[in-house]
Amino acid sequence: NGVRRYLRVLQQIGAYPPIEIHLTMTGMDGYHMGVDQMQIGIDGLLRIMMGESTGINRDVLEITGVVVNDYSDPVETIMKPIFDSVWNAAGWRGSMNYNQDGTWKHQL
């Protein structure tokens, strides 16, 4: 929602795409991704039990930026590579908040 608001403000003040979005998180060393065991399925549970979900192993997590080419692009689509990278850093293949086809699973 924050990215959506920032993009709206940029559009209102007349900033023209392309716009690049980056994410840096500090104090991350040792953090693990909180996952819903019902959501991750048997493969995910096995990875946790086998210790394959290693968690983040560095203090500063710098994520490669994504480019917004058009304000009409869905924020969920724009942000997927960033979310996938955060999950990758925690030992997962990608964000569990997207379906197999790459569409956002609405979270409450």
Protein backbone atom coordinates (compact mmCIF):
# COMPACT_ATOMS: atom_id res chain seq x y z
CA ASN A 1 0.00 0.00 0.00
CA GLY A 2 2.91 2.34 0.70
CA VAL A 3 4.32 1.92 -2.80
CA ARG A 4 0.87 2.54 -4.24
CA ARG A 5 0.62 5.82 -2.28
CA TYR A 6 4.13 6.95 -3.26
CA LEU A 7 3.44 6.28 -6.94
CA ARG A 8 0.18 8.21 -6.72
CA VAL A 9 2.02 11.21 -5.22
CA LEU A 10 4.73 11.03 -7.89
CA GLN A 11 2.07 10.98 -10.58
CA GLN A 12 0.24 13.93 -8.99
CA ILE A 13 3.37 16.07 -8.88
CA GLY A 14 4.11 15.32 -12.52
CA ALA A 15 7.01 12.86 -12.23
CA TYR A 16 7.21 10.80 -15.40
CA PRO A 17 8.19 7.12 -15.55
CA PRO A 18 10.44 5.28 -15.69
CA ILE A 19 10.77 5.25 -11.90
CA GLU A 20 13.04 2.83 -10.08
CA ILE A 21 12.11 1.27 -6.72
CA HIS A 22 14.74 -0.22 -4.40
CA LEU A 23 14.50 -1.88 -1.00
CA THR A 24 17.15 -1.97 1.72
CA MET A 25 16.49 -3.63 5.07
CA THR A 26 18.87 -3.40 8.03
CA GLY A 27 19.24 -5.55 11.13
CA MET A 28 18.15 -8.66 9.21
CA ASP A 29 20.84 -11.20 10.15
CA GLY A 30 19.24 -14.33 11.61
CA TYR A 31 15.67 -13.48 10.67
CA HIS A 32 13.47 -16.18 9.14
CA MET A 33 10.43 -15.75 6.97
CA GLY A 34 7.22 -16.34 8.90
CA VAL A 35 5.17 -18.84 6.93
CA ASP A 36 1.72 -20.30 7.34
CA GLN A 37 2.19 -24.08 7.46
CA MET A 38 -1.14 -24.57 5.67
CA GLN A 39 0.03 -22.28 2.87
CA ILE A 40 3.47 -23.78 2.16
CA GLY A 41 2.40 -27.38 1.62
CA ILE A 42 4.38 -30.56 2.22
CA ASP A 43 7.45 -29.39 0.27
CA GLY A 44 7.74 -26.30 2.44
CA LEU A 45 7.26 -28.25 5.66
CA LEU A 46 9.97 -30.71 4.61
CA ARG A 47 12.34 -27.83 3.86
CA ILE A 48 11.76 -26.38 7.34
CA MET A 49 12.20 -29.77 9.05
CA MET A 50 15.39 -30.48 7.06
CA GLY A 51 16.80 -27.07 7.93
CA GLU A 52 16.83 -25.90 4.31
CA SER A 53 15.06 -22.64 5.10
CA THR A 54 18.22 -21.03 6.36
CA GLY A 55 17.03 -17.56 7.18
CA ILE A 56 18.75 -14.33 6.27
CA ASN A 57 22.51 -14.44 6.79
CA ARG A 58 23.48 -10.77 6.59
CA ASP A 59 22.71 -7.62 8.51
CA VAL A 60 21.98 -5.41 5.50
CA LEU A 61 19.71 -6.82 2.82
CA GLU A 62 19.94 -4.76 -0.37
CA ILE A 63 17.43 -5.77 -3.02
CA THR A 64 17.94 -5.03 -6.71
CA GLY A 65 15.58 -2.35 -7.96
CA VAL A 66 12.58 -2.71 -10.22
CA VAL A 67 11.43 -0.23 -12.84
CA VAL A 68 7.94 1.25 -13.06
CA ASN A 69 7.33 2.08 -16.71
CA ASP A 70 3.68 3.04 -16.43
CA TYR A 71 1.54 4.19 -13.52
CA SER A 72 -1.21 1.82 -14.64
CA ASP A 73 0.97 -1.27 -13.98
CA PRO A 74 -0.38 -3.21 -10.97
CA VAL A 75 1.77 -2.61 -7.89
CA GLU A 76 1.60 -6.33 -7.05
CA THR A 77 3.20 -7.16 -10.41
CA ILE A 78 5.80 -4.40 -10.10
CA MET A 79 6.86 -5.53 -6.62
CA LYS A 80 6.98 -9.31 -7.22
CA PRO A 81 10.73 -9.42 -8.04
CA ILE A 82 11.49 -7.49 -4.84
CA PHE A 83 9.29 -9.76 -2.72
CA ASP A 84 10.83 -12.84 -4.36
CA SER A 85 14.31 -11.54 -3.54
CA VAL A 86 13.44 -11.05 0.14
CA TRP A 87 12.08 -14.61 0.30
CA ASN A 88 15.21 -15.86 -1.56
CA ALA A 89 17.41 -14.25 1.07
CA ALA A 90 15.49 -16.22 3.71
CA GLY A 91 16.09 -19.50 1.87
CA TRP A 92 12.89 -19.80 -0.18
CA ARG A 93 12.40 -20.02 -3.96
CA GLY A 94 10.13 -16.99 -4.00
CA SER A 95 7.29 -15.24 -2.26
CA MET A 96 4.53 -17.49 -1.01
CA ASN A 97 2.10 -14.61 -1.52
CA TYR A 98 1.80 -15.25 -5.26
CA ASN A 99 0.03 -18.05 -7.14
CA GLN A 100 1.93 -20.34 -9.52
CA ASP A 101 1.04 -18.02 -12.42
CA GLY A 102 2.59 -15.03 -10.63
CA THR A 103 -0.63 -13.32 -9.53
CA TRP A 104 -0.90 -11.85 -6.03
CA LYS A 105 -2.89 -13.86 -3.46
CA HIS A 106 -4.89 -11.23 -1.59
CA GLN A 107 -3.93 -11.29 2.08
CA LEU A 108 -6.19 -10.04 4.86
